[in-house]
Amino acid sequence: MEAPQLRQLPDQSRPLLNKFYRAHRSHMRAPAGARYWVAQHVEIIAGLCLTGVDGGHWLTGLLVAPSHRNQGFATRLVAQTLAACEGPVWLFCEPGLASFYKQLSFGETTALPESLALRLQRYNQHKTLVALCHDKEQAA
């Protein structure tokens, strides 16, 4: 089997990523104005979104199709996305997923842009999420 292609989707292909999310019964959606990254082999098998925020990016919507999990697609997709962007990248995740992101050089943070800090505060009223950040410049 040919290796899946990892690539950034053009803006007009946003509906394809939303269709992928719906097909897997996810509440995730590809927000307008974001950059969309996918692993694709005929169809999308993994995707994520990267939205610009206050001097960096917010990573959301990482999902791998159940039949393709535990094969390294999420790791490769996140790594390629990080390599292609400048500045810090923040994300929110359930505490049990933090170790996955820490393997990709994300670290826990309380230093968030105000828009993300307010969003995290709202989210944490209903569930517990941790804020993580990846910053190539600080790691260097």
N, C-alpha and C. Protein backbone atom coordinates (compact mmCIF):
# COMPACT_ATOMS: atom_id res chain seq x y z
N MET A 1 0.83 -1.17 0.00
CA MET A 1 0.00 0.00 0.00
C MET A 1 0.88 1.25 0.00
N GLU A 2 0.53 2.20 -0.82
CA GLU A 2 1.26 3.45 -0.92
C GLU A 2 1.09 4.28 0.35
N ALA A 3 2.15 4.96 0.77
CA ALA A 3 2.10 5.78 1.99
C ALA A 3 1.15 6.96 1.79
N PRO A 4 0.37 7.30 2.82
CA PRO A 4 -0.51 8.46 2.72
C PRO A 4 0.27 9.74 2.49
N GLN A 5 -0.34 10.66 1.79
CA GLN A 5 0.26 11.97 1.53
C GLN A 5 -0.15 12.91 2.67
N LEU A 6 0.82 13.63 3.22
CA LEU A 6 0.55 14.65 4.23
C LEU A 6 0.63 15.99 3.55
N ARG A 7 -0.46 16.77 3.65
CA ARG A 7 -0.45 18.03 2.92
C ARG A 7 -1.43 19.03 3.51
N GLN A 8 -1.23 20.28 3.13
CA GLN A 8 -2.15 21.33 3.51
C GLN A 8 -3.25 21.38 2.47
N LEU A 9 -4.49 21.39 2.92
CA LEU A 9 -5.62 21.49 2.00
C LEU A 9 -5.82 22.95 1.58
N PRO A 10 -6.20 23.18 0.34
CA PRO A 10 -6.55 24.55 -0.04
C PRO A 10 -7.86 24.95 0.65
N ASP A 11 -8.05 26.26 0.83
CA ASP A 11 -9.24 26.77 1.53
C ASP A 11 -10.54 26.20 0.97
N GLN A 12 -10.63 26.09 -0.33
CA GLN A 12 -11.88 25.63 -0.93
C GLN A 12 -12.17 24.15 -0.63
N SER A 13 -11.22 23.43 -0.08
CA SER A 13 -11.41 22.02 0.28
C SER A 13 -11.83 21.83 1.74
N ARG A 14 -12.09 22.92 2.43
CA ARG A 14 -12.55 22.86 3.82
C ARG A 14 -13.75 21.92 3.99
N PRO A 15 -14.72 21.92 3.07
CA PRO A 15 -15.85 20.99 3.23
C PRO A 15 -15.44 19.52 3.29
N LEU A 16 -14.33 19.16 2.65
CA LEU A 16 -13.86 17.77 2.70
C LEU A 16 -13.44 17.39 4.12
N LEU A 17 -12.78 18.30 4.81
CA LEU A 17 -12.37 18.02 6.19
C LEU A 17 -13.59 17.95 7.10
N ASN A 18 -14.55 18.85 6.90
CA ASN A 18 -15.78 18.79 7.69
C ASN A 18 -16.54 17.48 7.43
N LYS A 19 -16.53 17.01 6.20
CA LYS A 19 -17.18 15.73 5.87
C LYS A 19 -16.48 14.58 6.60
N PHE A 20 -15.14 14.63 6.66
CA PHE A 20 -14.36 13.62 7.39
C PHE A 20 -14.76 13.62 8.87
N TYR A 21 -14.83 14.80 9.48
CA TYR A 21 -15.23 14.89 10.89
C TYR A 21 -16.64 14.29 11.09
N ARG A 22 -17.58 14.67 10.25
CA ARG A 22 -18.95 14.16 10.38
C ARG A 22 -19.00 12.64 10.19
N ALA A 23 -18.23 12.13 9.24
CA ALA A 23 -18.23 10.68 8.96
C ALA A 23 -17.78 9.88 10.18
N HIS A 24 -17.00 10.51 11.04
CA HIS A 24 -16.50 9.83 12.24
C HIS A 24 -17.21 10.31 13.50
N ARG A 25 -18.38 10.90 13.28
CA ARG A 25 -19.26 11.35 14.37
C ARG A 25 -18.55 12.27 15.37
N SER A 26 -17.69 13.10 14.85
CA SER A 26 -16.97 14.06 15.68
C SER A 26 -17.72 15.39 15.69
N HIS A 27 -17.64 16.10 16.80
CA HIS A 27 -18.22 17.44 16.90
C HIS A 27 -17.25 18.48 16.36
N MET A 28 -16.06 18.06 15.96
CA MET A 28 -15.06 19.00 15.45
C MET A 28 -15.54 19.57 14.11
N ARG A 29 -15.11 20.79 13.84
CA ARG A 29 -15.38 21.45 12.56
C ARG A 29 -14.14 22.23 12.17
N ALA A 30 -13.95 22.38 10.87
CA ALA A 30 -12.84 23.17 10.35
C ALA A 30 -13.28 24.63 10.31
N PRO A 31 -12.70 25.48 11.17
CA PRO A 31 -13.14 26.87 11.21
C PRO A 31 -12.71 27.65 9.97
N ALA A 32 -13.56 28.57 9.57
CA ALA A 32 -13.22 29.43 8.43
C ALA A 32 -11.96 30.21 8.76
N GLY A 33 -11.12 30.40 7.76
CA GLY A 33 -9.91 31.19 7.94
C GLY A 33 -8.72 30.44 8.50
N ALA A 34 -8.90 29.17 8.85
CA ALA A 34 -7.79 28.37 9.38
C ALA A 34 -7.00 27.77 8.21
N ARG A 35 -5.90 27.12 8.57
CA ARG A 35 -5.17 26.29 7.61
C ARG A 35 -5.51 24.84 7.97
N TYR A 36 -5.73 24.03 6.96
CA TYR A 36 -6.19 22.66 7.16
C TYR A 36 -5.13 21.69 6.66
N TRP A 37 -4.75 20.75 7.52
CA TRP A 37 -3.74 19.76 7.18
C TRP A 37 -4.36 18.37 7.26
N VAL A 38 -4.00 17.51 6.32
CA VAL A 38 -4.57 16.17 6.29
C VAL A 38 -3.51 15.14 5.93
N ALA A 39 -3.79 13.90 6.35
CA ALA A 39 -3.11 12.71 5.82
C ALA A 39 -4.15 12.08 4.92
N GLN A 40 -3.77 11.79 3.70
CA GLN A 40 -4.75 11.34 2.72
C GLN A 40 -4.19 10.19 1.90
N HIS A 41 -5.00 9.16 1.78
CA HIS A 41 -4.72 8.03 0.90
C HIS A 41 -6.05 7.73 0.23
N VAL A 42 -6.27 8.24 -0.93
CA VAL A 42 -7.56 8.26 -1.62
C VAL A 42 -8.52 9.17 -0.85
N GLU A 43 -8.85 8.80 0.39
CA GLU A 43 -9.69 9.64 1.23
C GLU A 43 -8.86 10.18 2.39
N ILE A 44 -9.40 11.17 3.07
CA ILE A 44 -8.74 11.71 4.26
C ILE A 44 -8.79 10.66 5.36
N ILE A 45 -7.63 10.42 5.98
CA ILE A 45 -7.56 9.46 7.09
C ILE A 45 -7.20 10.15 8.41
N ALA A 46 -6.76 11.41 8.33
CA ALA A 46 -6.45 12.19 9.52
C ALA A 46 -6.47 13.66 9.13
N GLY A 47 -6.82 14.50 10.09
CA GLY A 47 -6.84 15.94 9.81
C GLY A 47 -6.64 16.76 11.06
N LEU A 48 -6.31 18.02 10.85
CA LEU A 48 -6.22 19.00 11.93
C LEU A 48 -6.36 20.39 11.35
N CYS A 49 -6.59 21.35 12.23
CA CYS A 49 -6.75 22.75 11.83
C CYS A 49 -5.76 23.61 12.60
N LEU A 50 -5.31 24.67 11.96
CA LEU A 50 -4.36 25.60 12.57
C LEU A 50 -4.89 27.01 12.31
N THR A 51 -5.28 27.69 13.39
CA THR A 51 -5.85 29.02 13.29
C THR A 51 -4.87 30.04 13.86
N GLY A 52 -4.67 31.13 13.15
CA GLY A 52 -3.79 32.19 13.62
C GLY A 52 -4.37 32.91 14.83
N VAL A 53 -3.55 33.10 15.87
CA VAL A 53 -3.94 33.86 17.06
C VAL A 53 -2.74 34.63 17.58
N ASP A 54 -2.91 35.89 17.89
CA ASP A 54 -1.94 36.72 18.60
C ASP A 54 -0.48 36.26 18.53
N GLY A 55 0.12 36.31 17.36
CA GLY A 55 1.54 36.00 17.22
C GLY A 55 1.88 34.53 17.14
N GLY A 56 0.89 33.69 17.00
CA GLY A 56 1.13 32.26 16.91
C GLY A 56 -0.05 31.56 16.27
N HIS A 57 -0.24 30.31 16.66
CA HIS A 57 -1.30 29.48 16.07
C HIS A 57 -1.97 28.64 17.14
N TRP A 58 -3.22 28.29 16.89
CA TRP A 58 -3.98 27.41 17.77
C TRP A 58 -4.31 26.16 16.98
N LEU A 59 -3.84 25.02 17.48
CA LEU A 59 -4.06 23.73 16.83
C LEU A 59 -5.34 23.12 17.40
N THR A 60 -6.26 22.76 16.52
CA THR A 60 -7.52 22.14 16.92
C THR A 60 -7.86 21.01 15.95
N GLY A 61 -8.82 20.22 16.34
CA GLY A 61 -9.42 19.26 15.42
C GLY A 61 -8.55 18.10 14.99
N LEU A 62 -7.56 17.70 15.79
CA LEU A 62 -6.75 16.55 15.40
C LEU A 62 -7.60 15.29 15.55
N LEU A 63 -7.80 14.60 14.45
CA LEU A 63 -8.58 13.38 14.45
C LEU A 63 -7.99 12.41 13.43
N VAL A 64 -7.84 11.16 13.85
CA VAL A 64 -7.40 10.09 12.96
C VAL A 64 -8.54 9.09 12.87
N ALA A 65 -8.84 8.65 11.66
CA ALA A 65 -9.90 7.65 11.47
C ALA A 65 -9.58 6.42 12.32
N PRO A 66 -10.58 5.86 13.00
CA PRO A 66 -10.32 4.71 13.89
C PRO A 66 -9.53 3.57 13.25
N SER A 67 -9.78 3.29 11.99
CA SER A 67 -9.09 2.18 11.33
C SER A 67 -7.62 2.48 11.03
N HIS A 68 -7.19 3.72 11.23
CA HIS A 68 -5.81 4.11 10.96
C HIS A 68 -5.06 4.58 12.21
N ARG A 69 -5.65 4.39 13.37
CA ARG A 69 -5.02 4.84 14.61
C ARG A 69 -3.85 3.92 14.98
N ASN A 70 -2.96 4.46 15.81
CA ASN A 70 -1.78 3.74 16.31
C ASN A 70 -0.83 3.33 15.19
N GLN A 71 -0.80 4.12 14.13
CA GLN A 71 0.12 3.87 13.02
C GLN A 71 1.03 5.07 12.78
N GLY A 72 1.00 6.05 13.67
CA GLY A 72 1.90 7.20 13.58
C GLY A 72 1.39 8.35 12.73
N PHE A 73 0.16 8.29 12.25
CA PHE A 73 -0.33 9.37 11.39
C PHE A 73 -0.49 10.68 12.14
N ALA A 74 -1.00 10.63 13.36
CA ALA A 74 -1.15 11.87 14.13
C ALA A 74 0.21 12.51 14.40
N THR A 75 1.17 11.70 14.80
CA THR A 75 2.52 12.21 15.07
C THR A 75 3.11 12.86 13.83
N ARG A 76 3.03 12.19 12.71
CA ARG A 76 3.61 12.73 11.46
C ARG A 76 2.87 13.98 11.01
N LEU A 77 1.56 13.98 11.13
CA LEU A 77 0.78 15.14 10.70
C LEU A 77 1.08 16.36 11.57
N VAL A 78 1.13 16.18 12.87
CA VAL A 78 1.45 17.30 13.77
C VAL A 78 2.88 17.78 13.51
N ALA A 79 3.82 16.87 13.38
CA ALA A 79 5.22 17.26 13.14
C ALA A 79 5.37 18.05 11.85
N GLN A 80 4.72 17.62 10.78
CA GLN A 80 4.82 18.35 9.52
C GLN A 80 4.17 19.72 9.63
N THR A 81 3.05 19.80 10.33
CA THR A 81 2.38 21.08 10.52
C THR A 81 3.27 22.04 11.30
N LEU A 82 3.87 21.55 12.38
CA LEU A 82 4.75 22.40 13.20
C LEU A 82 5.94 22.90 12.39
N ALA A 83 6.49 22.04 11.55
CA ALA A 83 7.65 22.43 10.75
C ALA A 83 7.32 23.54 9.76
N ALA A 84 6.04 23.64 9.38
CA ALA A 84 5.64 24.61 8.37
C ALA A 84 5.13 25.93 8.93
N CYS A 85 5.19 26.10 10.26
CA CYS A 85 4.66 27.35 10.79
C CYS A 85 5.67 28.06 11.69
N GLU A 86 5.51 29.36 11.75
CA GLU A 86 6.37 30.22 12.56
C GLU A 86 5.66 30.54 13.87
N GLY A 87 6.43 30.75 14.91
CA GLY A 87 5.88 31.19 16.19
C GLY A 87 5.32 30.04 17.01
N PRO A 88 4.81 30.37 18.19
CA PRO A 88 4.29 29.34 19.07
C PRO A 88 3.00 28.71 18.54
N VAL A 89 2.77 27.47 18.94
CA VAL A 89 1.53 26.76 18.62
C VAL A 89 0.95 26.28 19.93
N TRP A 90 -0.28 26.71 20.21
CA TRP A 90 -0.97 26.30 21.43
C TRP A 90 -2.06 25.30 21.10
N LEU A 91 -2.41 24.48 22.08
CA LEU A 91 -3.55 23.58 21.95
C LEU A 91 -4.10 23.29 23.33
N PHE A 92 -5.33 22.81 23.35
CA PHE A 92 -5.96 22.35 24.58
C PHE A 92 -6.24 20.87 24.40
N CYS A 93 -6.01 20.09 25.45
CA CYS A 93 -6.31 18.66 25.37
C CYS A 93 -6.73 18.13 26.72
N GLU A 94 -7.36 16.96 26.70
CA GLU A 94 -7.68 16.28 27.94
C GLU A 94 -6.38 15.85 28.59
N PRO A 95 -6.32 15.86 29.92
CA PRO A 95 -5.05 15.52 30.60
C PRO A 95 -4.44 14.19 30.15
N GLY A 96 -5.25 13.21 29.81
CA GLY A 96 -4.73 11.91 29.39
C GLY A 96 -4.02 11.93 28.04
N LEU A 97 -4.23 12.98 27.25
CA LEU A 97 -3.57 13.10 25.95
C LEU A 97 -2.29 13.93 26.00
N ALA A 98 -2.03 14.56 27.13
CA ALA A 98 -0.86 15.45 27.24
C ALA A 98 0.45 14.72 26.94
N SER A 99 0.58 13.47 27.36
CA SER A 99 1.84 12.75 27.13
C SER A 99 2.10 12.56 25.63
N PHE A 100 1.05 12.37 24.83
CA PHE A 100 1.24 12.27 23.37
C PHE A 100 1.87 13.55 22.84
N TYR A 101 1.32 14.69 23.23
CA TYR A 101 1.83 15.97 22.73
C TYR A 101 3.21 16.31 23.30
N LYS A 102 3.47 15.89 24.53
CA LYS A 102 4.79 16.15 25.12
C LYS A 102 5.88 15.43 24.35
N GLN A 103 5.57 14.27 23.75
CA GLN A 103 6.54 13.57 22.90
C GLN A 103 6.88 14.38 21.65
N LEU A 104 6.01 15.33 21.30
CA LEU A 104 6.21 16.19 20.14
C LEU A 104 6.75 17.57 20.55
N SER A 105 7.31 17.65 21.77
CA SER A 105 7.93 18.87 22.32
C SER A 105 6.94 19.96 22.72
N PHE A 106 5.71 19.59 22.99
CA PHE A 106 4.78 20.53 23.60
C PHE A 106 5.01 20.48 25.10
N GLY A 107 4.77 21.60 25.76
CA GLY A 107 4.87 21.65 27.21
C GLY A 107 3.67 22.38 27.78
N GLU A 108 3.33 22.06 29.02
CA GLU A 108 2.22 22.75 29.67
C GLU A 108 2.55 24.22 29.81
N THR A 109 1.52 25.04 29.70
CA THR A 109 1.72 26.49 29.78
C THR A 109 0.53 27.16 30.43
N THR A 110 0.80 28.28 31.07
CA THR A 110 -0.26 29.16 31.54
C THR A 110 -0.16 30.49 30.79
N ALA A 111 0.90 30.65 30.00
CA ALA A 111 1.10 31.87 29.21
C ALA A 111 0.37 31.71 27.88
N LEU A 112 -0.86 32.21 27.83
CA LEU A 112 -1.69 32.11 26.64
C LEU A 112 -2.09 33.50 26.16
N PRO A 113 -2.29 33.66 24.85
CA PRO A 113 -2.88 34.91 24.39
C PRO A 113 -4.25 35.07 25.09
N GLU A 114 -4.66 36.29 25.31
CA GLU A 114 -5.89 36.54 26.04
C GLU A 114 -7.09 35.81 25.44
N SER A 115 -7.20 35.78 24.12
CA SER A 115 -8.35 35.11 23.49
C SER A 115 -8.38 33.62 23.83
N LEU A 116 -7.22 32.98 23.88
CA LEU A 116 -7.18 31.55 24.22
C LEU A 116 -7.37 31.34 25.72
N ALA A 117 -6.84 32.23 26.54
CA ALA A 117 -7.02 32.10 27.99
C ALA A 117 -8.50 32.17 28.36
N LEU A 118 -9.23 33.08 27.73
CA LEU A 118 -10.67 33.20 27.98
C LEU A 118 -11.41 31.96 27.50
N ARG A 119 -11.02 31.45 26.35
CA ARG A 119 -11.66 30.25 25.80
C ARG A 119 -11.42 29.05 26.71
N LEU A 120 -10.17 28.89 27.18
CA LEU A 120 -9.86 27.77 28.07
C LEU A 120 -10.66 27.88 29.37
N GLN A 121 -10.79 29.09 29.87
CA GLN A 121 -11.57 29.29 31.09
C GLN A 121 -13.02 28.84 30.88
N ARG A 122 -13.61 29.19 29.74
CA ARG A 122 -14.98 28.75 29.43
C ARG A 122 -15.06 27.24 29.30
N TYR A 123 -14.12 26.64 28.56
CA TYR A 123 -14.13 25.18 28.38
C TYR A 123 -14.00 24.46 29.71
N ASN A 124 -13.15 24.96 30.59
CA ASN A 124 -12.90 24.29 31.87
C ASN A 124 -14.07 24.38 32.84
N GLN A 125 -15.11 25.12 32.48
CA GLN A 125 -16.32 25.13 33.29
C GLN A 125 -17.10 23.82 33.13
N HIS A 126 -16.86 23.12 32.01
CA HIS A 126 -17.62 21.91 31.70
C HIS A 126 -16.77 20.64 31.66
N LYS A 127 -15.48 20.80 31.43
CA LYS A 127 -14.57 19.66 31.40
C LYS A 127 -13.17 20.16 31.70
N THR A 128 -12.28 19.25 32.04
CA THR A 128 -10.92 19.64 32.38
C THR A 128 -10.02 19.48 31.16
N LEU A 129 -9.41 20.58 30.76
CA LEU A 129 -8.46 20.59 29.66
C LEU A 129 -7.17 21.23 30.15
N VAL A 130 -6.04 20.82 29.56
CA VAL A 130 -4.76 21.47 29.85
C VAL A 130 -4.31 22.23 28.61
N ALA A 131 -3.63 23.32 28.84
CA ALA A 131 -3.08 24.13 27.75
C ALA A 131 -1.63 23.71 27.54
N LEU A 132 -1.28 23.48 26.27
CA LEU A 132 0.09 23.11 25.90
C LEU A 132 0.60 24.08 24.85
N CYS A 133 1.91 24.23 24.79
CA CYS A 133 2.51 25.13 23.81
C CYS A 133 3.77 24.49 23.22
N HIS A 134 3.96 24.69 21.94
CA HIS A 134 5.18 24.29 21.24
C HIS A 134 5.76 25.57 20.66
N ASP A 135 7.01 25.86 20.97
CA ASP A 135 7.65 27.07 20.46
C ASP A 135 9.05 26.72 20.00
N LYS A 136 9.26 26.63 18.69
CA LYS A 136 10.56 26.28 18.10
C LYS A 136 11.64 27.25 18.56
N GLU A 137 11.30 28.53 18.64
CA GLU A 137 12.30 29.54 18.98
C GLU A 137 12.79 29.39 20.42
N GLN A 138 11.91 29.06 21.34
CA GLN A 138 12.32 28.87 22.73
C GLN A 138 13.07 27.55 22.91
N ALA A 139 12.72 26.56 22.09
CA ALA A 139 13.38 25.25 22.19
C ALA A 139 14.80 25.29 21.63
N ALA A 140 15.06 26.23 20.72
CA ALA A 140 16.38 26.29 20.07
C ALA A 140 17.44 26.84 20.98
